[in-house]
Amino acid sequence: MEEITWKCTKCGYTLEADPGVVPPETCPECKDKCEFVNVTCYIPECGMTGQDPRLKG
């Protein structure tokens, strides 16, 4: 796997980081303390890269 896609639970901002890199506690976009969730695509339909289209909401 190349990179992990993380999404801010407050504003929806996404960022990509190398595996093993922890996302920041404060979102660079909304400047709020938030939780980042892993929305990386692990299914063949999206080529195992980028954001999983089922998690875009």
N, C-alpha and C. Protein backbone atom coordinates (compact mmCIF):
# COMPACT_ATOMS: atom_id res chain seq x y z
N MET A 1 0.84 -1.18 0.00
CA MET A 1 0.00 0.00 0.00
C MET A 1 0.89 1.24 0.00
N GLU A 2 0.51 2.19 -0.82
CA GLU A 2 1.33 3.38 -0.96
C GLU A 2 1.06 4.41 0.13
N GLU A 3 -0.17 4.93 0.20
CA GLU A 3 -0.50 5.95 1.18
C GLU A 3 -1.85 5.65 1.81
N ILE A 4 -2.07 6.20 2.98
CA ILE A 4 -3.33 6.08 3.67
C ILE A 4 -4.06 7.41 3.54
N THR A 5 -5.36 7.35 3.24
CA THR A 5 -6.18 8.54 3.13
C THR A 5 -6.96 8.72 4.43
N TRP A 6 -6.76 9.88 5.07
CA TRP A 6 -7.43 10.21 6.33
C TRP A 6 -8.45 11.31 6.08
N LYS A 7 -9.60 11.26 6.78
CA LYS A 7 -10.66 12.26 6.61
C LYS A 7 -11.05 12.84 7.98
N CYS A 8 -11.12 14.17 8.04
CA CYS A 8 -11.54 14.87 9.26
C CYS A 8 -13.02 14.61 9.48
N THR A 9 -13.40 14.21 10.70
CA THR A 9 -14.80 13.92 10.99
C THR A 9 -15.65 15.18 11.15
N LYS A 10 -15.01 16.33 11.27
CA LYS A 10 -15.77 17.57 11.45
C LYS A 10 -16.04 18.28 10.13
N CYS A 11 -15.02 18.44 9.27
CA CYS A 11 -15.21 19.23 8.05
C CYS A 11 -15.08 18.42 6.76
N GLY A 12 -14.60 17.18 6.85
CA GLY A 12 -14.47 16.35 5.67
C GLY A 12 -13.16 16.48 4.91
N TYR A 13 -12.25 17.32 5.42
CA TYR A 13 -10.93 17.49 4.79
C TYR A 13 -10.22 16.15 4.74
N THR A 14 -9.58 15.85 3.61
CA THR A 14 -8.81 14.61 3.49
C THR A 14 -7.33 14.92 3.28
N LEU A 15 -6.53 14.03 3.80
CA LEU A 15 -5.08 14.13 3.58
C LEU A 15 -4.53 12.74 3.40
N GLU A 16 -3.42 12.66 2.71
CA GLU A 16 -2.77 11.38 2.48
C GLU A 16 -1.43 11.36 3.19
N ALA A 17 -1.11 10.21 3.78
CA ALA A 17 0.14 10.08 4.53
C ALA A 17 0.70 8.67 4.32
N ASP A 18 1.99 8.55 4.48
CA ASP A 18 2.63 7.24 4.39
C ASP A 18 2.13 6.36 5.52
N PRO A 19 2.08 5.04 5.30
CA PRO A 19 1.69 4.13 6.37
C PRO A 19 2.60 4.33 7.59
N GLY A 20 2.01 4.30 8.76
CA GLY A 20 2.76 4.50 9.99
C GLY A 20 2.78 5.94 10.46
N VAL A 21 2.40 6.89 9.60
CA VAL A 21 2.34 8.30 9.98
C VAL A 21 0.97 8.57 10.58
N VAL A 22 0.96 9.12 11.77
CA VAL A 22 -0.28 9.43 12.47
C VAL A 22 -0.79 10.79 12.02
N PRO A 23 -2.10 10.91 11.72
CA PRO A 23 -2.63 12.21 11.30
C PRO A 23 -2.59 13.21 12.46
N PRO A 24 -2.61 14.50 12.16
CA PRO A 24 -2.53 15.52 13.22
C PRO A 24 -3.78 15.52 14.10
N GLU A 25 -3.66 16.05 15.31
CA GLU A 25 -4.81 16.18 16.20
C GLU A 25 -5.67 17.37 15.79
N THR A 26 -5.04 18.39 15.20
CA THR A 26 -5.76 19.57 14.75
C THR A 26 -5.81 19.56 13.23
N CYS A 27 -7.00 19.71 12.69
CA CYS A 27 -7.18 19.68 11.24
C CYS A 27 -6.57 20.92 10.60
N PRO A 28 -5.77 20.75 9.54
CA PRO A 28 -5.18 21.90 8.85
C PRO A 28 -6.22 22.78 8.16
N GLU A 29 -7.39 22.23 7.85
CA GLU A 29 -8.43 22.98 7.13
C GLU A 29 -9.33 23.77 8.08
N CYS A 30 -9.98 23.08 9.03
CA CYS A 30 -10.94 23.77 9.91
C CYS A 30 -10.30 24.28 11.19
N LYS A 31 -9.04 23.92 11.42
CA LYS A 31 -8.27 24.39 12.58
C LYS A 31 -8.88 23.94 13.91
N ASP A 32 -9.71 22.89 13.87
CA ASP A 32 -10.36 22.38 15.06
C ASP A 32 -9.72 21.06 15.45
N LYS A 33 -9.79 20.73 16.72
CA LYS A 33 -9.31 19.43 17.17
C LYS A 33 -10.36 18.41 16.75
N CYS A 34 -9.95 17.42 15.98
CA CYS A 34 -10.92 16.46 15.48
C CYS A 34 -10.29 15.08 15.37
N GLU A 35 -11.13 14.13 15.06
CA GLU A 35 -10.68 12.77 14.83
C GLU A 35 -10.55 12.57 13.33
N PHE A 36 -9.45 11.98 12.89
CA PHE A 36 -9.29 11.60 11.50
C PHE A 36 -9.57 10.11 11.39
N VAL A 37 -10.39 9.74 10.42
CA VAL A 37 -10.70 8.33 10.19
C VAL A 37 -10.06 7.88 8.89
N ASN A 38 -9.68 6.63 8.86
CA ASN A 38 -9.05 6.03 7.69
C ASN A 38 -10.13 5.73 6.66
N VAL A 39 -10.10 6.41 5.52
CA VAL A 39 -11.06 6.17 4.44
C VAL A 39 -10.35 5.64 3.18
N THR A 40 -9.20 5.02 3.38
CA THR A 40 -8.43 4.46 2.28
C THR A 40 -9.23 3.37 1.58
N CYS A 41 -9.11 3.29 0.28
CA CYS A 41 -9.77 2.26 -0.50
C CYS A 41 -8.94 0.97 -0.43
N TYR A 42 -9.59 -0.09 0.03
CA TYR A 42 -8.95 -1.39 0.09
C TYR A 42 -9.61 -2.40 -0.84
N ILE A 43 -10.45 -1.92 -1.77
CA ILE A 43 -11.17 -2.83 -2.66
C ILE A 43 -10.62 -2.72 -4.09
N PRO A 44 -10.69 -3.80 -4.85
CA PRO A 44 -10.15 -3.78 -6.21
C PRO A 44 -10.84 -2.78 -7.14
N GLU A 45 -12.11 -2.47 -6.91
CA GLU A 45 -12.85 -1.58 -7.80
C GLU A 45 -12.22 -0.20 -7.92
N CYS A 46 -11.52 0.27 -6.92
CA CYS A 46 -10.87 1.59 -7.01
C CYS A 46 -9.35 1.46 -7.08
N GLY A 47 -8.89 0.29 -7.39
CA GLY A 47 -7.46 0.09 -7.59
C GLY A 47 -6.64 0.10 -6.31
N MET A 48 -7.31 -0.09 -5.16
CA MET A 48 -6.63 -0.17 -3.86
C MET A 48 -5.89 1.12 -3.51
N THR A 49 -6.29 2.25 -4.09
CA THR A 49 -5.65 3.53 -3.80
C THR A 49 -6.71 4.61 -3.62
N GLY A 50 -6.35 5.70 -2.99
CA GLY A 50 -7.25 6.83 -2.82
C GLY A 50 -8.34 6.57 -1.81
N GLN A 51 -9.40 7.38 -1.88
CA GLN A 51 -10.50 7.30 -0.93
C GLN A 51 -11.55 6.31 -1.41
N ASP A 52 -12.03 5.50 -0.50
CA ASP A 52 -13.07 4.53 -0.81
C ASP A 52 -14.35 5.29 -1.17
N PRO A 53 -14.91 5.10 -2.36
CA PRO A 53 -16.08 5.85 -2.77
C PRO A 53 -17.30 5.59 -1.88
N ARG A 54 -17.32 4.48 -1.16
CA ARG A 54 -18.43 4.19 -0.26
C ARG A 54 -18.39 5.05 1.00
N LEU A 55 -17.26 5.72 1.26
CA LEU A 55 -17.07 6.50 2.48
C LEU A 55 -17.04 8.00 2.22
N LYS A 56 -17.51 8.47 1.09
CA LYS A 56 -17.43 9.87 0.75
C LYS A 56 -18.40 10.76 1.51
N GLY A 57 -19.44 10.20 2.10
CA GLY A 57 -20.49 10.97 2.77
C GLY A 57 -20.09 11.82 3.91
